[in-house]
Amino acid sequence: MPTAMMSASSSRKAVLVGAAVSALSALWVMAQSGGGPPGGPGQGEHRPKPPLEQVLDANADGVIDAGEIANAPAALKKLDKNADGKLTPDEYRPPRPPR
């Protein structure tokens, strides 16, 4: 292959690699900053805590401490909507978001 063609091919590859790196970097920055479409996650909206965390983390500090662990049986009973003594996924999982 002539040198001129090799350098054009190499130049094209360098441009493509640069463009790919730039695109990936932009996506990474958006993911880190919570960027996305307006009104989407990270834009002033906070996901509600899962029901298990809501009942176990009584003081809502994000940590389940020794006192909260000791109180776990009583706290978990709050999730037992049908009072059958069992927690089923529909009782301990967060509700699905509307579509």
PDB file of N, CA and C in Angstrom:
ATOM      1  N   MET A   1       0.836  -1.185   0.000  1.00  0.00           N
ATOM      2  CA  MET A   1       0.000   0.000   0.000  1.00  0.00           C
ATOM      3  C   MET A   1       0.876   1.242   0.000  1.00  0.00           C
ATOM      4  N   PRO A   2       0.523   2.242  -0.782  1.00  0.00           N
ATOM      5  CA  PRO A   2       1.306   3.471  -0.790  1.00  0.00           C
ATOM      6  C   PRO A   2       1.200   4.176   0.556  1.00  0.00           C
ATOM      7  N   THR A   3       2.247   4.949   0.882  1.00  0.00           N
ATOM      8  CA  THR A   3       2.310   5.654   2.154  1.00  0.00           C
ATOM      9  C   THR A   3       1.158   6.639   2.312  1.00  0.00           C
ATOM     10  N   ALA A   4       0.757   7.318   1.244  1.00  0.00           N
ATOM     11  CA  ALA A   4      -0.325   8.299   1.314  1.00  0.00           C
ATOM     12  C   ALA A   4      -1.630   7.641   1.728  1.00  0.00           C
ATOM     13  N   MET A   5      -1.909   6.438   1.216  1.00  0.00           N
ATOM     14  CA  MET A   5      -3.134   5.738   1.574  1.00  0.00           C
ATOM     15  C   MET A   5      -3.078   5.246   3.011  1.00  0.00           C
ATOM     16  N   MET A   6      -1.910   4.799   3.457  1.00  0.00           N
ATOM     17  CA  MET A   6      -1.779   4.326   4.831  1.00  0.00           C
ATOM     18  C   MET A   6      -2.020   5.483   5.801  1.00  0.00           C
ATOM     19  N   SER A   7      -1.483   6.641   5.494  1.00  0.00           N
ATOM     20  CA  SER A   7      -1.653   7.744   6.426  1.00  0.00           C
ATOM     21  C   SER A   7      -3.098   8.231   6.414  1.00  0.00           C
ATOM     22  N   ALA A   8      -3.779   8.197   5.272  1.00  0.00           N
ATOM     23  CA  ALA A   8      -5.189   8.589   5.223  1.00  0.00           C
ATOM     24  C   ALA A   8      -6.022   7.599   6.024  1.00  0.00           C
ATOM     25  N   SER A   9      -5.726   6.323   5.889  1.00  0.00           N
ATOM     26  CA  SER A   9      -6.440   5.294   6.628  1.00  0.00           C
ATOM     27  C   SER A   9      -6.173   5.434   8.128  1.00  0.00           C
ATOM     28  N   SER A  10      -4.928   5.673   8.483  1.00  0.00           N
ATOM     29  CA  SER A  10      -4.578   5.858   9.885  1.00  0.00           C
ATOM     30  C   SER A  10      -5.227   7.112  10.446  1.00  0.00           C
ATOM     31  N   SER A  11      -5.285   8.135   9.634  1.00  0.00           N
ATOM     32  CA  SER A  11      -5.905   9.385  10.051  1.00  0.00           C
ATOM     33  C   SER A  11      -7.398   9.184  10.299  1.00  0.00           C
ATOM     34  N   ARG A  12      -8.058   8.438   9.417  1.00  0.00           N
ATOM     35  CA  ARG A  12      -9.483   8.142   9.583  1.00  0.00           C
ATOM     36  C   ARG A  12      -9.720   7.349  10.866  1.00  0.00           C
ATOM     37  N   LYS A  13      -8.866   6.369  11.118  1.00  0.00           N
ATOM     38  CA  LYS A  13      -8.983   5.570  12.336  1.00  0.00           C
ATOM     39  C   LYS A  13      -8.803   6.448  13.573  1.00  0.00           C
ATOM     40  N   ALA A  14      -7.837   7.349  13.525  1.00  0.00           N
ATOM     41  CA  ALA A  14      -7.593   8.231  14.663  1.00  0.00           C
ATOM     42  C   ALA A  14      -8.802   9.123  14.917  1.00  0.00           C
ATOM     43  N   VAL A  15      -9.415   9.625  13.849  1.00  0.00           N
ATOM     44  CA  VAL A  15     -10.598  10.471  14.000  1.00  0.00           C
ATOM     45  C   VAL A  15     -11.751   9.662  14.588  1.00  0.00           C
ATOM     46  N   LEU A  16     -11.958   8.435  14.107  1.00  0.00           N
ATOM     47  CA  LEU A  16     -13.027   7.585  14.627  1.00  0.00           C
ATOM     48  C   LEU A  16     -12.797   7.234  16.094  1.00  0.00           C
ATOM     49  N   VAL A  17     -11.570   6.899  16.441  1.00  0.00           N
ATOM     50  CA  VAL A  17     -11.254   6.578  17.835  1.00  0.00           C
ATOM     51  C   VAL A  17     -11.475   7.811  18.704  1.00  0.00           C
ATOM     52  N   GLY A  18     -11.039   8.962  18.235  1.00  0.00           N
ATOM     53  CA  GLY A  18     -11.246  10.206  18.985  1.00  0.00           C
ATOM     54  C   GLY A  18     -12.722  10.511  19.187  1.00  0.00           C
ATOM     55  N   ALA A  19     -13.515  10.315  18.138  1.00  0.00           N
ATOM     56  CA  ALA A  19     -14.950  10.563  18.237  1.00  0.00           C
ATOM     57  C   ALA A  19     -15.599   9.594  19.223  1.00  0.00           C
ATOM     58  N   ALA A  20     -15.183   8.328  19.174  1.00  0.00           N
ATOM     59  CA  ALA A  20     -15.734   7.331  20.099  1.00  0.00           C
ATOM     60  C   ALA A  20     -15.368   7.665  21.539  1.00  0.00           C
ATOM     61  N   VAL A  21     -14.129   8.053  21.766  1.00  0.00           N
ATOM     62  CA  VAL A  21     -13.696   8.416  23.120  1.00  0.00           C
ATOM     63  C   VAL A  21     -14.467   9.637  23.611  1.00  0.00           C
ATOM     64  N   SER A  22     -14.664  10.618  22.751  1.00  0.00           N
ATOM     65  CA  SER A  22     -15.422  11.818  23.127  1.00  0.00           C
ATOM     66  C   SER A  22     -16.862  11.469  23.479  1.00  0.00           C
ATOM     67  N   ALA A  23     -17.486  10.614  22.672  1.00  0.00           N
ATOM     68  CA  ALA A  23     -18.876  10.223  22.924  1.00  0.00           C
ATOM     69  C   ALA A  23     -18.993   9.459  24.234  1.00  0.00           C
ATOM     70  N   LEU A  24     -18.089   8.529  24.466  1.00  0.00           N
ATOM     71  CA  LEU A  24     -18.117   7.766  25.714  1.00  0.00           C
ATOM     72  C   LEU A  24     -17.861   8.672  26.917  1.00  0.00           C
ATOM     73  N   SER A  25     -16.965   9.622  26.763  1.00  0.00           N
ATOM     74  CA  SER A  25     -16.692  10.554  27.858  1.00  0.00           C
ATOM     75  C   SER A  25     -17.923  11.389  28.179  1.00  0.00           C
ATOM     76  N   ALA A  26     -18.617  11.844  27.151  1.00  0.00           N
ATOM     77  CA  ALA A  26     -19.830  12.638  27.367  1.00  0.00           C
ATOM     78  C   ALA A  26     -20.893  11.811  28.069  1.00  0.00           C
ATOM     79  N   LEU A  27     -21.059  10.552  27.659  1.00  0.00           N
ATOM     80  CA  LEU A  27     -22.030   9.679  28.319  1.00  0.00           C
ATOM     81  C   LEU A  27     -21.658   9.450  29.774  1.00  0.00           C
ATOM     82  N   TRP A  28     -20.375   9.259  30.047  1.00  0.00           N
ATOM     83  CA  TRP A  28     -19.922   9.030  31.419  1.00  0.00           C
ATOM     84  C   TRP A  28     -20.206  10.256  32.281  1.00  0.00           C
ATOM     85  N   VAL A  29     -19.927  11.440  31.755  1.00  0.00           N
ATOM     86  CA  VAL A  29     -20.173  12.679  32.505  1.00  0.00           C
ATOM     87  C   VAL A  29     -21.666  12.839  32.769  1.00  0.00           C
ATOM     88  N   MET A  30     -22.503  12.564  31.773  1.00  0.00           N
ATOM     89  CA  MET A  30     -23.950  12.667  31.967  1.00  0.00           C
ATOM     90  C   MET A  30     -24.423  11.690  33.028  1.00  0.00           C
ATOM     91  N   ALA A  31     -23.890  10.481  33.017  1.00  0.00           N
ATOM     92  CA  ALA A  31     -24.293   9.479  34.006  1.00  0.00           C
ATOM     93  C   ALA A  31     -23.864   9.905  35.402  1.00  0.00           C
ATOM     94  N   GLN A  32     -22.685  10.476  35.534  1.00  0.00           N
ATOM     95  CA  GLN A  32     -22.192  10.891  36.841  1.00  0.00           C
ATOM     96  C   GLN A  32     -22.949  12.087  37.379  1.00  0.00           C
ATOM     97  N   SER A  33     -23.382  12.975  36.499  1.00  0.00           N
ATOM     98  CA  SER A  33     -24.059  14.192  36.944  1.00  0.00           C
ATOM     99  C   SER A  33     -25.562  14.015  37.017  1.00  0.00           C
ATOM    100  N   GLY A  34     -26.052  12.827  36.685  1.00  0.00           N
ATOM    101  CA  GLY A  34     -27.489  12.603  36.706  1.00  0.00           C
ATOM    102  C   GLY A  34     -28.169  13.223  35.503  1.00  0.00           C
ATOM    103  N   GLY A  35     -27.394  13.586  34.484  1.00  0.00           N
ATOM    104  CA  GLY A  35     -27.967  14.205  33.300  1.00  0.00           C
ATOM    105  C   GLY A  35     -28.844  13.235  32.544  1.00  0.00           C
ATOM    106  N   GLY A  36     -29.741  13.762  31.828  1.00  0.00           N
ATOM    107  CA  GLY A  36     -30.658  12.964  31.044  1.00  0.00           C
ATOM    108  C   GLY A  36     -31.761  13.868  30.570  1.00  0.00           C
ATOM    109  N   PRO A  37     -32.805  13.275  30.077  1.00  0.00           N
ATOM    110  CA  PRO A  37     -33.896  14.113  29.603  1.00  0.00           C
ATOM    111  C   PRO A  37     -34.531  14.885  30.753  1.00  0.00           C
ATOM    112  N   PRO A  38     -35.022  16.097  30.483  1.00  0.00           N
ATOM    113  CA  PRO A  38     -35.647  16.894  31.542  1.00  0.00           C
ATOM    114  C   PRO A  38     -36.758  16.107  32.231  1.00  0.00           C
ATOM    115  N   GLY A  39     -36.792  16.220  33.539  1.00  0.00           N
ATOM    116  CA  GLY A  39     -37.805  15.522  34.309  1.00  0.00           C
ATOM    117  C   GLY A  39     -37.467  14.079  34.602  1.00  0.00           C
ATOM    118  N   GLY A  40     -36.358  13.598  34.073  1.00  0.00           N
ATOM    119  CA  GLY A  40     -35.954  12.218  34.309  1.00  0.00           C
ATOM    120  C   GLY A  40     -35.224  12.101  35.630  1.00  0.00           C
ATOM    121  N   PRO A  41     -34.749  10.899  35.943  1.00  0.00           N
ATOM    122  CA  PRO A  41     -34.014  10.712  37.189  1.00  0.00           C
ATOM    123  C   PRO A  41     -32.840  11.680  37.283  1.00  0.00           C
ATOM    124  N   GLY A  42     -32.625  12.232  38.440  1.00  0.00           N
ATOM    125  CA  GLY A  42     -31.524  13.162  38.637  1.00  0.00           C
ATOM    126  C   GLY A  42     -31.901  14.606  38.367  1.00  0.00           C
ATOM    127  N   GLN A  43     -33.124  14.850  37.946  1.00  0.00           N
ATOM    128  CA  GLN A  43     -33.556  16.211  37.622  1.00  0.00           C
ATOM    129  C   GLN A  43     -34.567  16.703  38.657  1.00  0.00           C
ATOM    130  N   GLY A  44     -34.203  16.637  39.928  1.00  0.00           N
ATOM    131  CA  GLY A  44     -35.087  17.115  40.973  1.00  0.00           C
ATOM    132  C   GLY A  44     -36.029  16.048  41.502  1.00  0.00           C
ATOM    133  N   GLU A  45     -36.111  14.928  40.814  1.00  0.00           N
ATOM    134  CA  GLU A  45     -36.951  13.841  41.287  1.00  0.00           C
ATOM    135  C   GLU A  45     -36.107  12.872  42.091  1.00  0.00           C
ATOM    136  N   HIS A  46     -36.667  12.417  43.193  1.00  0.00           N
ATOM    137  CA  HIS A  46     -35.979  11.410  43.982  1.00  0.00           C
ATOM    138  C   HIS A  46     -36.851  10.180  44.037  1.00  0.00           C
ATOM    139  N   ARG A  47     -36.230   9.041  43.796  1.00  0.00           N
ATOM    140  CA  ARG A  47     -36.969   7.797  43.903  1.00  0.00           C
ATOM    141  C   ARG A  47     -37.342   7.555  45.348  1.00  0.00           C
ATOM    142  N   PRO A  48     -38.544   7.068  45.569  1.00  0.00           N
ATOM    143  CA  PRO A  48     -38.902   6.733  46.946  1.00  0.00           C
ATOM    144  C   PRO A  48     -38.063   5.548  47.417  1.00  0.00           C
ATOM    145  N   LYS A  49     -37.826   5.504  48.701  1.00  0.00           N
ATOM    146  CA  LYS A  49     -37.067   4.390  49.254  1.00  0.00           C
ATOM    147  C   LYS A  49     -37.898   3.118  49.132  1.00  0.00           C
ATOM    148  N   PRO A  50     -37.242   1.977  48.941  1.00  0.00           N
ATOM    149  CA  PRO A  50     -37.978   0.710  48.911  1.00  0.00           C
ATOM    150  C   PRO A  50     -38.694   0.490  50.243  1.00  0.00           C
ATOM    151  N   PRO A  51     -39.846  -0.179  50.222  1.00  0.00           N
ATOM    152  CA  PRO A  51     -40.599  -0.403  51.451  1.00  0.00           C
ATOM    153  C   PRO A  51     -39.779  -1.022  52.581  1.00  0.00           C
ATOM    154  N   LEU A  52     -38.899  -1.970  52.264  1.00  0.00           N
ATOM    155  CA  LEU A  52     -38.083  -2.571  53.321  1.00  0.00           C
ATOM    156  C   LEU A  52     -37.231  -1.526  54.022  1.00  0.00           C
ATOM    157  N   GLU A  53     -36.612  -0.653  53.245  1.00  0.00           N
ATOM    158  CA  GLU A  53     -35.778   0.393  53.843  1.00  0.00           C
ATOM    159  C   GLU A  53     -36.640   1.390  54.625  1.00  0.00           C
ATOM    160  N   GLN A  54     -37.807   1.698  54.111  1.00  0.00           N
ATOM    161  CA  GLN A  54     -38.690   2.646  54.797  1.00  0.00           C
ATOM    162  C   GLN A  54     -39.048   2.170  56.197  1.00  0.00           C
ATOM    163  N   VAL A  55     -39.394   0.887  56.329  1.00  0.00           N
ATOM    164  CA  VAL A  55     -39.807   0.420  57.652  1.00  0.00           C
ATOM    165  C   VAL A  55     -38.634   0.098  58.562  1.00  0.00           C
ATOM    166  N   LEU A  56     -37.506  -0.347  57.996  1.00  0.00           N
ATOM    167  CA  LEU A  56     -36.372  -0.712  58.844  1.00  0.00           C
ATOM    168  C   LEU A  56     -35.570   0.499  59.311  1.00  0.00           C
ATOM    169  N   ASP A  57     -35.399   1.492  58.458  1.00  0.00           N
ATOM    170  CA  ASP A  57     -34.619   2.687  58.794  1.00  0.00           C
ATOM    171  C   ASP A  57     -35.532   3.719  59.451  1.00  0.00           C
ATOM    172  N   ALA A  58     -35.854   3.483  60.705  1.00  0.00           N
ATOM    173  CA  ALA A  58     -36.850   4.287  61.423  1.00  0.00           C
ATOM    174  C   ALA A  58     -36.508   5.770  61.474  1.00  0.00           C
ATOM    175  N   ASN A  59     -35.235   6.118  61.601  1.00  0.00           N
ATOM    176  CA  ASN A  59     -34.866   7.531  61.697  1.00  0.00           C
ATOM    177  C   ASN A  59     -34.479   8.130  60.335  1.00  0.00           C
ATOM    178  N   ALA A  60     -34.634   7.362  59.262  1.00  0.00           N
ATOM    179  CA  ALA A  60     -34.406   7.812  57.877  1.00  0.00           C
ATOM    180  C   ALA A  60     -33.042   8.438  57.651  1.00  0.00           C
ATOM    181  N   ASP A  61     -32.007   7.882  58.309  1.00  0.00           N
ATOM    182  CA  ASP A  61     -30.659   8.421  58.113  1.00  0.00           C
ATOM    183  C   ASP A  61     -29.853   7.644  57.073  1.00  0.00           C
ATOM    184  N   GLY A  62     -30.471   6.649  56.449  1.00  0.00           N
ATOM    185  CA  GLY A  62     -29.782   5.870  55.423  1.00  0.00           C
ATOM    186  C   GLY A  62     -28.958   4.733  55.980  1.00  0.00           C
ATOM    187  N   VAL A  63     -28.969   4.548  57.300  1.00  0.00           N
ATOM    188  CA  VAL A  63     -28.201   3.489  57.954  1.00  0.00           C
ATOM    189  C   VAL A  63     -29.157   2.709  58.848  1.00  0.00           C
ATOM    190  N   ILE A  64     -29.093   1.402  58.771  1.00  0.00           N
ATOM    191  CA  ILE A  64     -29.892   0.572  59.670  1.00  0.00           C
ATOM    192  C   ILE A  64     -28.989   0.190  60.827  1.00  0.00           C
ATOM    193  N   ASP A  65     -29.201   0.862  61.962  1.00  0.00           N
ATOM    194  CA  ASP A  65     -28.305   0.688  63.113  1.00  0.00           C
ATOM    195  C   ASP A  65     -28.777  -0.458  64.009  1.00  0.00           C
ATOM    196  N   ALA A  66     -28.044  -0.694  65.099  1.00  0.00           N
ATOM    197  CA  ALA A  66     -28.313  -1.823  65.988  1.00  0.00           C
ATOM    198  C   ALA A  66     -29.725  -1.763  66.570  1.00  0.00           C
ATOM    199  N   GLY A  67     -30.188  -0.582  66.947  1.00  0.00           N
ATOM    200  CA  GLY A  67     -31.537  -0.445  67.487  1.00  0.00           C
ATOM    201  C   GLY A  67     -32.601  -0.786  66.457  1.00  0.00           C
ATOM    202  N   GLU A  68     -32.361  -0.360  65.221  1.00  0.00           N
ATOM    203  CA  GLU A  68     -33.312  -0.653  64.151  1.00  0.00           C
ATOM    204  C   GLU A  68     -33.301  -2.139  63.804  1.00  0.00           C
ATOM    205  N   ILE A  69     -32.138  -2.754  63.875  1.00  0.00           N
ATOM    206  CA  ILE A  69     -32.050  -4.204  63.639  1.00  0.00           C
ATOM    207  C   ILE A  69     -32.827  -4.948  64.727  1.00  0.00           C
ATOM    208  N   ALA A  70     -32.667  -4.505  65.972  1.00  0.00           N
ATOM    209  CA  ALA A  70     -33.387  -5.141  67.076  1.00  0.00           C
ATOM    210  C   ALA A  70     -34.896  -4.988  66.904  1.00  0.00           C
ATOM    211  N   ASN A  71     -35.332  -3.894  66.301  1.00  0.00           N
ATOM    212  CA  ASN A  71     -36.756  -3.628  66.107  1.00  0.00           C
ATOM    213  C   ASN A  71     -37.275  -4.200  64.782  1.00  0.00           C
ATOM    214  N   ALA A  72     -36.434  -4.884  64.016  1.00  0.00           N
ATOM    215  CA  ALA A  72     -36.803  -5.362  62.685  1.00  0.00           C
ATOM    216  C   ALA A  72     -38.063  -6.228  62.667  1.00  0.00           C
ATOM    217  N   PRO A  73     -38.237  -7.179  63.591  1.00  0.00           N
ATOM    218  CA  PRO A  73     -39.467  -7.992  63.513  1.00  0.00           C
ATOM    219  C   PRO A  73     -40.741  -7.145  63.573  1.00  0.00           C
ATOM    220  N   ALA A  74     -40.785  -6.193  64.474  1.00  0.00           N
ATOM    221  CA  ALA A  74     -41.967  -5.336  64.587  1.00  0.00           C
ATOM    222  C   ALA A  74     -42.113  -4.454  63.352  1.00  0.00           C
ATOM    223  N   ALA A  75     -40.990  -3.938  62.855  1.00  0.00           N
ATOM    224  CA  ALA A  75     -41.031  -3.071  61.675  1.00  0.00           C
ATOM    225  C   ALA A  75     -41.511  -3.841  60.449  1.00  0.00           C
ATOM    226  N   LEU A  76     -41.033  -5.078  60.283  1.00  0.00           N
ATOM    227  CA  LEU A  76     -41.421  -5.867  59.118  1.00  0.00           C
ATOM    228  C   LEU A  76     -42.900  -6.228  59.137  1.00  0.00           C
ATOM    229  N   LYS A  77     -43.482  -6.366  60.319  1.00  0.00           N
ATOM    230  CA  LYS A  77     -44.908  -6.683  60.410  1.00  0.00           C
ATOM    231  C   LYS A  77     -45.761  -5.570  59.807  1.00  0.00           C
ATOM    232  N   LYS A  78     -45.226  -4.353  59.759  1.00  0.00           N
ATOM    233  CA  LYS A  78     -45.963  -3.241  59.154  1.00  0.00           C
ATOM    234  C   LYS A  78     -46.189  -3.457  57.654  1.00  0.00           C
ATOM    235  N   LEU A  79     -45.318  -4.241  57.031  1.00  0.00           N
ATOM    236  CA  LEU A  79     -45.443  -4.493  55.593  1.00  0.00           C
ATOM    237  C   LEU A  79     -46.438  -5.603  55.272  1.00  0.00           C
ATOM    238  N   ASP A  80     -46.788  -6.413  56.252  1.00  0.00           N
ATOM    239  CA  ASP A  80     -47.676  -7.551  56.043  1.00  0.00           C
ATOM    240  C   ASP A  80     -49.115  -7.061  55.889  1.00  0.00           C
ATOM    241  N   LYS A  81     -49.439  -6.606  54.680  1.00  0.00           N
ATOM    242  CA  LYS A  81     -50.735  -5.966  54.410  1.00  0.00           C
ATOM    243  C   LYS A  81     -51.936  -6.872  54.679  1.00  0.00           C
ATOM    244  N   ASN A  82     -51.786  -8.172  54.388  1.00  0.00           N
ATOM    245  CA  ASN A  82     -52.926  -9.073  54.578  1.00  0.00           C
ATOM    246  C   ASN A  82     -52.850  -9.846  55.894  1.00  0.00           C
ATOM    247  N   ALA A  83     -51.894  -9.507  56.744  1.00  0.00           N
ATOM    248  CA  ALA A  83     -51.760 -10.093  58.094  1.00  0.00           C
ATOM    249  C   ALA A  83     -51.729 -11.619  58.085  1.00  0.00           C
ATOM    250  N   ASP A  84     -51.051 -12.191  57.079  1.00  0.00           N
ATOM    251  CA  ASP A  84     -50.959 -13.644  57.034  1.00  0.00           C
ATOM    252  C   ASP A  84     -49.665 -14.174  57.660  1.00  0.00           C
ATOM    253  N   GLY A  85     -48.856 -13.266  58.202  1.00  0.00           N
ATOM    254  CA  GLY A  85     -47.603 -13.676  58.838  1.00  0.00           C
ATOM    255  C   GLY A  85     -46.474 -13.921  57.852  1.00  0.00           C
ATOM    256  N   LYS A  86     -46.697 -13.564  56.586  1.00  0.00           N
ATOM    257  CA  LYS A  86     -45.686 -13.756  55.541  1.00  0.00           C
ATOM    258  C   LYS A  86     -45.541 -12.448  54.763  1.00  0.00           C
ATOM    259  N   LEU A  87     -44.328 -12.203  54.266  1.00  0.00           N
ATOM    260  CA  LEU A  87     -44.111 -11.068  53.362  1.00  0.00           C
ATOM    261  C   LEU A  87     -43.901 -11.615  51.958  1.00  0.00           C
ATOM    262  N   THR A  88     -44.768 -11.224  51.069  1.00  0.00           N
ATOM    263  CA  THR A  88     -44.657 -11.622  49.673  1.00  0.00           C
ATOM    264  C   THR A  88     -44.097 -10.452  48.877  1.00  0.00           C
ATOM    265  N   PRO A  89     -43.557 -10.725  47.680  1.00  0.00           N
ATOM    266  CA  PRO A  89     -42.949  -9.637  46.898  1.00  0.00           C
ATOM    267  C   PRO A  89     -43.844  -8.413  46.709  1.00  0.00           C
ATOM    268  N   ASP A  90     -45.126  -8.615  46.553  1.00  0.00           N
ATOM    269  CA  ASP A  90     -46.015  -7.454  46.364  1.00  0.00           C
ATOM    270  C   ASP A  90     -46.101  -6.605  47.632  1.00  0.00           C
ATOM    271  N   GLU A  91     -45.691  -7.153  48.769  1.00  0.00           N
ATOM    272  CA  GLU A  91     -45.724  -6.400  50.019  1.00  0.00           C
ATOM    273  C   GLU A  91     -44.391  -5.706  50.324  1.00  0.00           C
ATOM    274  N   TYR A  92     -43.269  -6.299  49.890  1.00  0.00           N
ATOM    275  CA  TYR A  92     -41.973  -5.708  50.240  1.00  0.00           C
ATOM    276  C   TYR A  92     -41.242  -5.041  49.090  1.00  0.00           C
ATOM    277  N   ARG A  93     -41.726  -5.192  47.872  1.00  0.00           N
ATOM    278  CA  ARG A  93     -41.090  -4.510  46.739  1.00  0.00           C
ATOM    279  C   ARG A  93     -41.763  -3.175  46.501  1.00  0.00           C
ATOM    280  N   PRO A  94     -40.997  -2.205  45.957  1.00  0.00           N
ATOM    281  CA  PRO A  94     -41.628  -0.918  45.629  1.00  0.00           C
ATOM    282  C   PRO A  94     -42.627  -1.093  44.496  1.00  0.00           C
ATOM    283  N   PRO A  95     -43.645  -0.250  44.436  1.00  0.00           N
ATOM    284  CA  PRO A  95     -44.599  -0.350  43.326  1.00  0.00           C
ATOM    285  C   PRO A  95     -43.909  -0.014  42.013  1.00  0.00           C
ATOM    286  N   ARG A  96     -44.408  -0.607  40.948  1.00  0.00           N
ATOM    287  CA  ARG A  96     -43.842  -0.320  39.623  1.00  0.00           C
ATOM    288  C   ARG A  96     -44.219   1.096  39.207  1.00  0.00           C
ATOM    289  N   PRO A  97     -43.288   1.790  38.554  1.00  0.00           N
ATOM    290  CA  PRO A  97     -43.618   3.146  38.088  1.00  0.00           C
ATOM    291  C   PRO A  97     -44.675   3.099  36.994  1.00  0.00           C
ATOM    292  N   PRO A  98     -45.504   4.137  36.906  1.00  0.00           N
ATOM    293  CA  PRO A  98     -46.515   4.169  35.831  1.00  0.00           C
ATOM    294  C   PRO A  98     -45.847   4.303  34.484  1.00  0.00           C
ATOM    295  N   ARG A  99     -46.481   3.767  33.483  1.00  0.00           N
ATOM    296  CA  ARG A  99     -45.913   3.835  32.130  1.00  0.00           C
ATOM    297  C   ARG A  99     -46.565   4.926  31.341  1.00  0.00           C
TER     298      ARG A  99
END
